[in-house]
Amino acid sequence: MANEVVLLDLKASPFAARVRIALEEKGIEYKSKVEDLSNKSSTLLKMNPVHQQIPVLIHNGRPICESMVIVQYIDEAWSHKPSLLPSDPYRRAHARFWADYIDKKIYPIGRNLWASKGELKESSKKDLIQCFKILEEELGDKLYFGDESFGYIDMALIPFYSFFYTFETLGNLCMAAEFPKLVEWGERCLQKETVSKSLCDQKKVYEVILQIKQKLGTE
């Protein structure tokens, strides 16, 4: 069977961006099929009947869902290529812990900046700032979260760099002033072609979020 790789994709999705970066890091050829989440394709509904969300990686007709699960699958399925996860068990567990933290905090809290008003929006801003403080502390003086080289934690977080302008504008904050190390890290990651070609432009993400705000009535 041909080694066919298809990604059910969405350019502005930070979760799909993770998968695009992983595929690029491994040098895997794939076909991107962009989904319209307001009119989901029969392929998406069939391949991810539980959540009906992107991204979905379809490898030789078999679907894998959830972005970081997909990243781990890519790492294991193409194990002859450079590893995305550390080989040391402790560092592997450490990387998974921080990826899980990012998953549970950044997008859910950040979403409240555009999906809410008043006190909930303000409390979400405070929570988001606290999350970024914790992440900046974890980064410390390292070049990347995985020390000297771009790795699993970086892959989990860097798609949210595309949301920094949105967080700044809707949260009335300055990322460079509040989190200079994170901003420098983001710029460093963008110097990698695998990252820069996979991320959505910050202003385009903001345009998408404004459309969502309009639909939710929170503009």
C-alpha atoms as a PDB file:
ATOM      1  CA  MET A   1       0.000   0.000   0.000  1.00  0.00           C
ATOM      2  CA  ALA A   2       1.213   3.487  -0.804  1.00  0.00           C
ATOM      3  CA  ASN A   3       2.255   5.564   2.183  1.00  0.00           C
ATOM      4  CA  GLU A   4      -0.651   8.013   1.847  1.00  0.00           C
ATOM      5  CA  VAL A   5      -0.879  10.805   4.405  1.00  0.00           C
ATOM      6  CA  VAL A   6      -3.836  13.210   4.476  1.00  0.00           C
ATOM      7  CA  LEU A   7      -4.440  15.951   7.031  1.00  0.00           C
ATOM      8  CA  LEU A   8      -7.929  17.297   7.645  1.00  0.00           C
ATOM      9  CA  ASP A   9      -6.788  20.814   8.246  1.00  0.00           C
ATOM     10  CA  LEU A  10      -7.670  24.423   9.071  1.00  0.00           C
ATOM     11  CA  LYS A  11      -5.074  27.163   8.619  1.00  0.00           C
ATOM     12  CA  ALA A  12      -5.994  29.248  11.670  1.00  0.00           C
ATOM     13  CA  SER A  13      -6.211  26.259  14.028  1.00  0.00           C
ATOM     14  CA  PRO A  14      -3.312  26.063  16.502  1.00  0.00           C
ATOM     15  CA  PHE A  15      -4.006  22.358  16.886  1.00  0.00           C
ATOM     16  CA  ALA A  16      -3.707  21.658  13.178  1.00  0.00           C
ATOM     17  CA  ALA A  17      -0.535  23.776  13.129  1.00  0.00           C
ATOM     18  CA  ARG A  18       1.083  21.375  15.588  1.00  0.00           C
ATOM     19  CA  VAL A  19       0.530  18.511  13.177  1.00  0.00           C
ATOM     20  CA  ARG A  20       1.768  20.502  10.191  1.00  0.00           C
ATOM     21  CA  ILE A  21       4.983  21.306  12.079  1.00  0.00           C
ATOM     22  CA  ALA A  22       5.480  17.661  13.102  1.00  0.00           C
ATOM     23  CA  LEU A  23       5.019  16.491   9.508  1.00  0.00           C
ATOM     24  CA  GLU A  24       7.461  19.130   8.270  1.00  0.00           C
ATOM     25  CA  GLU A  25       9.988  18.272  10.986  1.00  0.00           C
ATOM     26  CA  LYS A  26       9.915  14.638   9.856  1.00  0.00           C
ATOM     27  CA  GLY A  27       9.995  15.556   6.173  1.00  0.00           C
ATOM     28  CA  ILE A  28       6.742  13.709   5.437  1.00  0.00           C
ATOM     29  CA  GLU A  29       4.820  14.478   2.267  1.00  0.00           C
ATOM     30  CA  TYR A  30       1.118  14.916   2.920  1.00  0.00           C
ATOM     31  CA  LYS A  31      -2.054  16.277   1.396  1.00  0.00           C
ATOM     32  CA  SER A  32      -3.893  19.028   3.277  1.00  0.00           C
ATOM     33  CA  LYS A  33      -7.688  19.023   3.036  1.00  0.00           C
ATOM     34  CA  VAL A  34      -9.027  22.253   4.540  1.00  0.00           C
ATOM     35  CA  GLU A  35     -12.290  21.826   6.441  1.00  0.00           C
ATOM     36  CA  ASP A  36     -15.194  24.236   6.813  1.00  0.00           C
ATOM     37  CA  LEU A  37     -16.292  23.643  10.402  1.00  0.00           C
ATOM     38  CA  SER A  38     -19.672  25.290   9.746  1.00  0.00           C
ATOM     39  CA  ASN A  39     -20.273  22.694   7.035  1.00  0.00           C
ATOM     40  CA  LYS A  40     -18.256  19.637   8.039  1.00  0.00           C
ATOM     41  CA  SER A  41     -17.337  17.187   5.316  1.00  0.00           C
ATOM     42  CA  SER A  42     -18.557  13.589   5.289  1.00  0.00           C
ATOM     43  CA  THR A  43     -14.890  12.578   5.531  1.00  0.00           C
ATOM     44  CA  LEU A  44     -14.432  14.466   8.802  1.00  0.00           C
ATOM     45  CA  LEU A  45     -17.652  13.070  10.279  1.00  0.00           C
ATOM     46  CA  LYS A  46     -16.592   9.555   9.303  1.00  0.00           C
ATOM     47  CA  MET A  47     -12.971   9.845  10.416  1.00  0.00           C
ATOM     48  CA  ASN A  48     -13.649  11.608  13.734  1.00  0.00           C
ATOM     49  CA  PRO A  49     -17.231  10.666  14.691  1.00  0.00           C
ATOM     50  CA  VAL A  50     -16.630  11.279  18.420  1.00  0.00           C
ATOM     51  CA  HIS A  51     -15.491  14.919  18.406  1.00  0.00           C
ATOM     52  CA  GLN A  52     -16.069  15.825  14.732  1.00  0.00           C
ATOM     53  CA  GLN A  53     -13.147  18.256  14.929  1.00  0.00           C
ATOM     54  CA  ILE A  54      -9.851  18.846  13.175  1.00  0.00           C
ATOM     55  CA  PRO A  55      -7.064  17.970  12.999  1.00  0.00           C
ATOM     56  CA  VAL A  56      -7.359  14.389  11.808  1.00  0.00           C
ATOM     57  CA  LEU A  57      -4.410  12.597  10.292  1.00  0.00           C
ATOM     58  CA  ILE A  58      -5.390   9.853   7.867  1.00  0.00           C
ATOM     59  CA  HIS A  59      -2.498   7.456   7.303  1.00  0.00           C
ATOM     60  CA  ASN A  60      -3.212   4.814   4.685  1.00  0.00           C
ATOM     61  CA  GLY A  61      -6.948   5.209   5.279  1.00  0.00           C
ATOM     62  CA  ARG A  62      -6.767   4.987   9.085  1.00  0.00           C
ATOM     63  CA  PRO A  63      -7.588   8.080  11.188  1.00  0.00           C
ATOM     64  CA  ILE A  64      -5.684   9.437  14.192  1.00  0.00           C
ATOM     65  CA  CYS A  65      -7.338  12.259  16.167  1.00  0.00           C
ATOM     66  CA  GLU A  66      -6.289  14.885  18.755  1.00  0.00           C
ATOM     67  CA  SER A  67      -3.259  17.003  17.920  1.00  0.00           C
ATOM     68  CA  MET A  68      -0.666  15.819  20.448  1.00  0.00           C
ATOM     69  CA  VAL A  69      -1.776  12.205  20.020  1.00  0.00           C
ATOM     70  CA  ILE A  70      -1.156  12.705  16.301  1.00  0.00           C
ATOM     71  CA  VAL A  71       2.277  14.228  16.979  1.00  0.00           C
ATOM     72  CA  GLN A  72       3.223  11.177  19.073  1.00  0.00           C
ATOM     73  CA  TYR A  73       1.894   8.872  16.351  1.00  0.00           C
ATOM     74  CA  ILE A  74       3.985  10.654  13.725  1.00  0.00           C
ATOM     75  CA  ASP A  75       7.052  10.319  15.947  1.00  0.00           C
ATOM     76  CA  GLU A  76       6.504   6.570  16.371  1.00  0.00           C
ATOM     77  CA  ALA A  77       5.340   5.751  12.835  1.00  0.00           C
ATOM     78  CA  TRP A  78       8.347   7.498  11.275  1.00  0.00           C
ATOM     79  CA  SER A  79      10.817   6.539  14.003  1.00  0.00           C
ATOM     80  CA  HIS A  80      13.721   6.350  11.533  1.00  0.00           C
ATOM     81  CA  LYS A  81      13.565  10.145  11.232  1.00  0.00           C
ATOM     82  CA  PRO A  82      14.820  12.525  14.002  1.00  0.00           C
ATOM     83  CA  SER A  83      12.730  12.076  17.160  1.00  0.00           C
ATOM     84  CA  LEU A  84      10.231  14.728  18.261  1.00  0.00           C
ATOM     85  CA  LEU A  85      10.190  13.477  21.864  1.00  0.00           C
ATOM     86  CA  PRO A  86      13.233  13.069  24.117  1.00  0.00           C
ATOM     87  CA  SER A  87      14.623   9.529  24.392  1.00  0.00           C
ATOM     88  CA  ASP A  88      15.182   9.760  28.157  1.00  0.00           C
ATOM     89  CA  PRO A  89      12.059   8.532  30.042  1.00  0.00           C
ATOM     90  CA  TYR A  90      12.130  11.369  32.591  1.00  0.00           C
ATOM     91  CA  ARG A  91      12.508  14.083  29.948  1.00  0.00           C
ATOM     92  CA  ARG A  92       9.768  12.384  27.916  1.00  0.00           C
ATOM     93  CA  ALA A  93       7.407  12.518  30.889  1.00  0.00           C
ATOM     94  CA  HIS A  94       8.430  16.127  31.540  1.00  0.00           C
ATOM     95  CA  ALA A  95       7.639  17.077  27.930  1.00  0.00           C
ATOM     96  CA  ARG A  96       4.236  15.377  28.068  1.00  0.00           C
ATOM     97  CA  PHE A  97       3.417  17.143  31.339  1.00  0.00           C
ATOM     98  CA  TRP A  98       4.017  20.599  29.863  1.00  0.00           C
ATOM     99  CA  ALA A  99       2.201  19.789  26.615  1.00  0.00           C
ATOM    100  CA  ASP A 100      -0.774  18.705  28.731  1.00  0.00           C
ATOM    101  CA  TYR A 101      -0.563  21.929  30.753  1.00  0.00           C
ATOM    102  CA  ILE A 102      -0.599  23.994  27.550  1.00  0.00           C
ATOM    103  CA  ASP A 103      -3.579  22.021  26.235  1.00  0.00           C
ATOM    104  CA  LYS A 104      -5.606  22.483  29.394  1.00  0.00           C
ATOM    105  CA  LYS A 105      -4.789  26.148  29.966  1.00  0.00           C
ATOM    106  CA  ILE A 106      -3.876  28.376  27.019  1.00  0.00           C
ATOM    107  CA  TYR A 107      -6.696  27.853  24.536  1.00  0.00           C
ATOM    108  CA  PRO A 108      -9.568  27.328  27.048  1.00  0.00           C
ATOM    109  CA  ILE A 109      -8.596  30.436  29.024  1.00  0.00           C
ATOM    110  CA  GLY A 110      -7.655  32.470  25.955  1.00  0.00           C
ATOM    111  CA  ARG A 111     -10.979  31.657  24.337  1.00  0.00           C
ATOM    112  CA  ASN A 112     -12.764  33.484  27.143  1.00  0.00           C
ATOM    113  CA  LEU A 113     -11.102  36.711  26.009  1.00  0.00           C
ATOM    114  CA  TRP A 114     -13.233  36.656  22.872  1.00  0.00           C
ATOM    115  CA  ALA A 115     -16.182  34.579  24.079  1.00  0.00           C
ATOM    116  CA  SER A 116     -17.046  36.570  27.193  1.00  0.00           C
ATOM    117  CA  LYS A 117     -17.504  40.061  28.585  1.00  0.00           C
ATOM    118  CA  GLY A 118     -17.115  41.871  31.901  1.00  0.00           C
ATOM    119  CA  GLU A 119     -15.820  40.061  34.970  1.00  0.00           C
ATOM    120  CA  LEU A 120     -15.330  36.692  33.265  1.00  0.00           C
ATOM    121  CA  LYS A 121     -13.213  38.322  30.572  1.00  0.00           C
ATOM    122  CA  GLU A 122     -11.114  40.143  33.173  1.00  0.00           C
ATOM    123  CA  SER A 123     -10.604  37.031  35.295  1.00  0.00           C
ATOM    124  CA  SER A 124      -9.643  35.109  32.154  1.00  0.00           C
ATOM    125  CA  LYS A 125      -7.049  37.761  31.337  1.00  0.00           C
ATOM    126  CA  LYS A 126      -5.527  37.380  34.821  1.00  0.00           C
ATOM    127  CA  ASP A 127      -5.500  33.578  34.477  1.00  0.00           C
ATOM    128  CA  LEU A 128      -3.873  33.784  31.051  1.00  0.00           C
ATOM    129  CA  ILE A 129      -1.178  36.133  32.342  1.00  0.00           C
ATOM    130  CA  GLN A 130      -0.459  33.714  35.179  1.00  0.00           C
ATOM    131  CA  CYS A 131      -0.154  30.809  32.709  1.00  0.00           C
ATOM    132  CA  PHE A 132       2.321  32.720  30.582  1.00  0.00           C
ATOM    133  CA  LYS A 133       4.316  33.650  33.697  1.00  0.00           C
ATOM    134  CA  ILE A 134       4.569  29.966  34.604  1.00  0.00           C
ATOM    135  CA  LEU A 135       5.607  29.036  31.057  1.00  0.00           C
ATOM    136  CA  GLU A 136       8.208  31.810  30.930  1.00  0.00           C
ATOM    137  CA  GLU A 137       9.615  30.565  34.238  1.00  0.00           C
ATOM    138  CA  GLU A 138       9.813  27.038  32.814  1.00  0.00           C
ATOM    139  CA  LEU A 139      11.604  28.347  29.703  1.00  0.00           C
ATOM    140  CA  GLY A 140      14.082  30.279  31.826  1.00  0.00           C
ATOM    141  CA  ASP A 141      17.289  31.054  29.952  1.00  0.00           C
ATOM    142  CA  LYS A 142      17.033  28.050  27.626  1.00  0.00           C
ATOM    143  CA  LEU A 143      16.858  28.558  23.858  1.00  0.00           C
ATOM    144  CA  TYR A 144      13.887  26.182  23.649  1.00  0.00           C
ATOM    145  CA  PHE A 145      11.728  24.357  26.151  1.00  0.00           C
ATOM    146  CA  GLY A 146      13.683  21.234  25.196  1.00  0.00           C
ATOM    147  CA  ASP A 147      16.991  22.978  26.029  1.00  0.00           C
ATOM    148  CA  GLU A 148      19.177  23.496  22.952  1.00  0.00           C
ATOM    149  CA  SER A 149      16.858  22.173  20.256  1.00  0.00           C
ATOM    150  CA  PHE A 150      13.242  22.633  19.157  1.00  0.00           C
ATOM    151  CA  GLY A 151      11.112  19.815  20.546  1.00  0.00           C
ATOM    152  CA  TYR A 152       7.793  18.471  21.759  1.00  0.00           C
ATOM    153  CA  ILE A 153       6.901  21.248  24.230  1.00  0.00           C
ATOM    154  CA  ASP A 154       7.858  23.923  21.707  1.00  0.00           C
ATOM    155  CA  MET A 155       5.647  22.193  19.137  1.00  0.00           C
ATOM    156  CA  ALA A 156       2.728  22.229  21.578  1.00  0.00           C
ATOM    157  CA  LEU A 157       3.048  25.943  22.397  1.00  0.00           C
ATOM    158  CA  ILE A 158       4.382  27.709  19.296  1.00  0.00           C
ATOM    159  CA  PRO A 159       1.049  27.699  17.380  1.00  0.00           C
ATOM    160  CA  PHE A 160      -0.315  30.003  20.097  1.00  0.00           C
ATOM    161  CA  TYR A 161       2.342  32.547  19.131  1.00  0.00           C
ATOM    162  CA  SER A 162      -0.068  33.283  16.277  1.00  0.00           C
ATOM    163  CA  PHE A 163      -2.592  34.345  18.939  1.00  0.00           C
ATOM    164  CA  PHE A 164      -0.281  36.782  20.726  1.00  0.00           C
ATOM    165  CA  TYR A 165      -1.647  39.778  18.788  1.00  0.00           C
ATOM    166  CA  THR A 166      -5.202  38.687  19.607  1.00  0.00           C
ATOM    167  CA  PHE A 167      -4.353  38.309  23.305  1.00  0.00           C
ATOM    168  CA  GLU A 168      -2.712  41.740  23.288  1.00  0.00           C
ATOM    169  CA  THR A 169      -5.574  43.489  21.518  1.00  0.00           C
ATOM    170  CA  LEU A 170      -8.473  41.874  23.365  1.00  0.00           C
ATOM    171  CA  GLY A 171      -6.678  41.693  26.714  1.00  0.00           C
ATOM    172  CA  ASN A 172      -5.115  45.149  26.526  1.00  0.00           C
ATOM    173  CA  LEU A 173      -1.631  43.881  27.333  1.00  0.00           C
ATOM    174  CA  CYS A 174       1.826  43.890  25.761  1.00  0.00           C
ATOM    175  CA  MET A 175       3.345  40.424  25.375  1.00  0.00           C
ATOM    176  CA  ALA A 176       6.876  41.748  24.692  1.00  0.00           C
ATOM    177  CA  ALA A 177       6.815  43.860  27.856  1.00  0.00           C
ATOM    178  CA  GLU A 178       5.237  41.238  30.111  1.00  0.00           C
ATOM    179  CA  PHE A 179       6.841  38.098  28.680  1.00  0.00           C
ATOM    180  CA  PRO A 180      10.006  39.096  26.792  1.00  0.00           C
ATOM    181  CA  LYS A 181      11.553  35.626  26.984  1.00  0.00           C
ATOM    182  CA  LEU A 182       8.462  33.999  25.470  1.00  0.00           C
ATOM    183  CA  VAL A 183       8.354  36.532  22.642  1.00  0.00           C
ATOM    184  CA  GLU A 184      12.062  36.010  21.917  1.00  0.00           C
ATOM    185  CA  TRP A 185      11.502  32.256  21.998  1.00  0.00           C
ATOM    186  CA  GLY A 186       8.614  32.611  19.525  1.00  0.00           C
ATOM    187  CA  GLU A 187      10.731  34.681  17.163  1.00  0.00           C
ATOM    188  CA  ARG A 188      13.516  32.098  17.466  1.00  0.00           C
ATOM    189  CA  CYS A 189      11.123  29.290  16.591  1.00  0.00           C
ATOM    190  CA  LEU A 190       9.887  31.222  13.564  1.00  0.00           C
ATOM    191  CA  GLN A 191      13.394  31.193  12.150  1.00  0.00           C
ATOM    192  CA  LYS A 192      12.821  27.489  11.490  1.00  0.00           C
ATOM    193  CA  GLU A 193      11.186  26.987   8.088  1.00  0.00           C
ATOM    194  CA  THR A 194       9.208  24.032   9.415  1.00  0.00           C
ATOM    195  CA  VAL A 195       7.534  26.432  11.849  1.00  0.00           C
ATOM    196  CA  SER A 196       7.210  29.591   9.746  1.00  0.00           C
ATOM    197  CA  LYS A 197       5.505  27.777   6.849  1.00  0.00           C
ATOM    198  CA  SER A 198       3.108  26.025   9.246  1.00  0.00           C
ATOM    199  CA  LEU A 199       1.836  28.946  11.332  1.00  0.00           C
ATOM    200  CA  CYS A 200      -0.998  31.313  10.506  1.00  0.00           C
ATOM    201  CA  ASP A 201      -0.270  35.064  10.421  1.00  0.00           C
ATOM    202  CA  GLN A 202      -1.162  36.843  13.688  1.00  0.00           C
ATOM    203  CA  LYS A 203      -3.364  39.435  11.976  1.00  0.00           C
ATOM    204  CA  LYS A 204      -5.263  36.731  10.056  1.00  0.00           C
ATOM    205  CA  VAL A 205      -5.906  34.863  13.292  1.00  0.00           C
ATOM    206  CA  TYR A 206      -7.242  38.097  14.789  1.00  0.00           C
ATOM    207  CA  GLU A 207      -9.604  38.531  11.813  1.00  0.00           C
ATOM    208  CA  VAL A 208     -10.937  35.017  12.365  1.00  0.00           C
ATOM    209  CA  ILE A 209     -11.441  35.699  16.079  1.00  0.00           C
ATOM    210  CA  LEU A 210     -13.330  38.926  15.303  1.00  0.00           C
ATOM    211  CA  GLN A 211     -15.704  36.914  13.108  1.00  0.00           C
ATOM    212  CA  ILE A 212     -16.241  34.465  15.970  1.00  0.00           C
ATOM    213  CA  LYS A 213     -16.878  37.337  18.385  1.00  0.00           C
ATOM    214  CA  GLN A 214     -19.480  38.739  16.002  1.00  0.00           C
ATOM    215  CA  LYS A 215     -21.279  35.377  15.842  1.00  0.00           C
ATOM    216  CA  LEU A 216     -21.175  35.072  19.634  1.00  0.00           C
ATOM    217  CA  GLY A 217     -22.346  38.638  20.126  1.00  0.00           C
ATOM    218  CA  THR A 218     -19.340  39.598  22.255  1.00  0.00           C
ATOM    219  CA  GLU A 219     -17.826  42.196  19.889  1.00  0.00           C
END
